[in-house]
Protein backbone atom coordinates (compact mmCIF):
# COMPACT_ATOMS: atom_id res chain seq x y z
CA MET A 1 2.06 7.56 12.67
CA ILE A 2 1.27 4.73 10.45
CA ILE A 3 2.22 4.84 6.75
CA GLU A 4 -0.07 2.74 4.59
CA PRO A 5 1.34 2.71 1.14
CA GLY A 6 -0.15 1.55 -2.01
CA GLY A 7 1.84 -0.26 -4.76
CA PHE A 8 4.81 1.30 -6.49
CA ARG A 9 7.50 0.28 -9.03
CA THR A 10 10.52 -1.50 -7.70
CA PRO A 11 12.86 -3.88 -9.35
CA PHE A 12 11.48 -6.76 -7.09
CA PRO A 13 9.42 -8.74 -9.70
CA ALA A 14 12.16 -8.51 -12.25
CA HIS A 15 14.54 -10.67 -10.06
CA GLY A 16 12.22 -13.66 -10.47
CA THR A 17 11.73 -14.16 -6.86
CA ARG A 18 9.82 -17.26 -5.96
CA THR A 19 8.70 -19.12 -2.86
CA ASP A 20 10.33 -22.40 -1.73
CA GLY A 21 7.23 -24.42 -2.54
CA GLY A 22 6.37 -24.89 1.29
CA ILE A 23 2.92 -23.35 0.89
CA THR A 24 0.04 -25.25 2.47
CA GLY A 25 -3.09 -25.96 0.45
CA ASP A 26 -4.93 -23.34 2.41
CA TYR A 27 -2.93 -20.62 0.64
CA LYS A 28 -2.13 -22.27 -2.69
CA GLU A 29 -4.87 -20.56 -4.69
CA LYS A 30 -4.05 -17.04 -3.24
CA MET A 31 -0.23 -17.58 -3.85
CA GLU A 32 -0.79 -18.82 -7.36
CA ALA A 33 -2.72 -15.49 -8.07
CA TRP A 34 -0.17 -13.47 -6.44
CA LEU A 35 2.76 -15.14 -8.23
CA SER A 36 0.80 -14.66 -11.51
CA ASN A 37 0.60 -10.94 -10.74
CA ILE A 38 4.42 -10.77 -10.04
CA ASP A 39 5.16 -12.45 -13.38
CA ALA A 40 2.95 -10.03 -15.23
CA VAL A 41 4.60 -7.08 -13.69
CA ALA A 42 7.98 -8.62 -14.30
CA GLU A 43 7.07 -8.68 -18.04
CA ASN A 44 5.52 -5.28 -18.05
CA PRO A 45 6.54 -2.90 -15.17
CA ALA A 46 4.09 -0.20 -16.48
CA LEU A 47 1.37 -2.31 -14.82
CA VAL A 48 2.31 -0.96 -11.39
CA GLY A 49 2.07 2.76 -10.90
CA GLY A 50 3.51 4.80 -8.25
CA ASP A 51 6.78 6.79 -7.91
CA PRO A 52 9.22 5.51 -5.27
CA PRO A 53 11.18 8.88 -5.04
CA LYS A 54 7.91 10.81 -4.66
CA PHE A 55 6.70 8.29 -1.95
CA GLY A 56 9.94 8.87 0.03
CA ALA A 57 9.56 12.55 -0.33
CA ARG A 58 5.91 12.43 1.04
CA VAL A 59 6.92 10.08 3.89
CA LEU A 60 9.51 12.66 4.96
CA ASP A 61 6.77 15.50 4.65
CA ALA A 62 4.57 13.44 6.85
CA PHE A 63 7.23 12.74 9.39
CA ASP A 64 8.44 16.52 9.42
CA GLY A 65 4.83 18.00 9.17
CA THR A 66 5.74 19.89 6.19
CA GLY A 67 4.34 20.28 2.61
CA LEU A 68 0.94 18.58 2.31
CA PHE A 69 1.11 17.56 5.96
CA ALA A 70 1.59 20.93 7.72
CA LYS A 71 -2.20 21.39 8.20
CA THR A 72 -2.82 17.72 8.95
CA TRP A 73 -0.31 17.79 11.95
CA ALA A 74 -1.50 21.31 13.14
CA GLU A 75 -4.99 19.91 13.48
CA HIS A 76 -4.12 16.46 14.76
CA ASP A 77 -4.79 15.29 18.30
CA ALA A 78 -1.39 13.95 19.43
CA ASN A 79 -3.27 11.42 21.67
CA ASN A 80 -4.45 9.59 18.60
CA VAL A 81 -2.52 7.66 16.04
CA LEU A 82 -2.20 9.18 12.57
CA ARG A 83 -2.82 6.86 9.63
CA VAL A 84 -1.62 7.93 6.39
CA GLN A 85 -2.73 6.34 3.17
CA MET A 86 -0.40 6.95 0.29
CA GLY A 87 -1.12 6.50 -3.38
CA SER A 88 -4.39 6.41 -5.15
CA ASP A 89 -4.57 2.63 -4.97
CA GLY A 90 -3.75 2.60 -1.14
CA TYR A 91 -6.36 5.23 -0.47
CA GLY A 92 -8.86 3.38 -2.67
CA LEU A 93 -8.25 0.20 -0.62
CA PHE A 94 -8.75 1.96 2.52
CA GLY A 95 -11.94 3.57 1.27
CA GLU A 96 -13.21 -0.02 0.41
CA LYS A 97 -12.40 -1.34 3.69
CA LEU A 98 -14.04 1.58 5.42
CA LYS A 99 -17.12 0.99 3.50
CA GLU A 100 -17.15 -2.69 4.31
CA LEU A 101 -16.73 -1.87 8.00
CA ASN A 102 -19.44 0.80 7.95
CA GLU A 103 -21.82 -1.79 6.23
CA GLY A 104 -21.12 -4.42 8.94
CA TYR A 105 -21.84 -1.84 11.63
CA ALA A 106 -25.05 -0.82 10.18
CA LYS A 107 -26.16 -4.43 10.41
């Protein structure tokens, strides 16, 4: 089983965590955008949805095959990996990637 979570609130941004500045030019633009997001969330934690205790409970449900996952595990072929997207944003990103892959396949 592979758990693929979306974002959820943690105290991480509030601690002012920063890189050591050893970022190559290839990644500078992306890192600046990422750090800008962290700064924004540190100022306003409401920008990130999600519920860590609920996430933890769903992971346990997935692992135990209970709750929302009882039917999933009952119908799952144990020879295949089960990928579980959690959170509406994680599920949305998965959908976008799947759409991208399908478009590439159609070409």
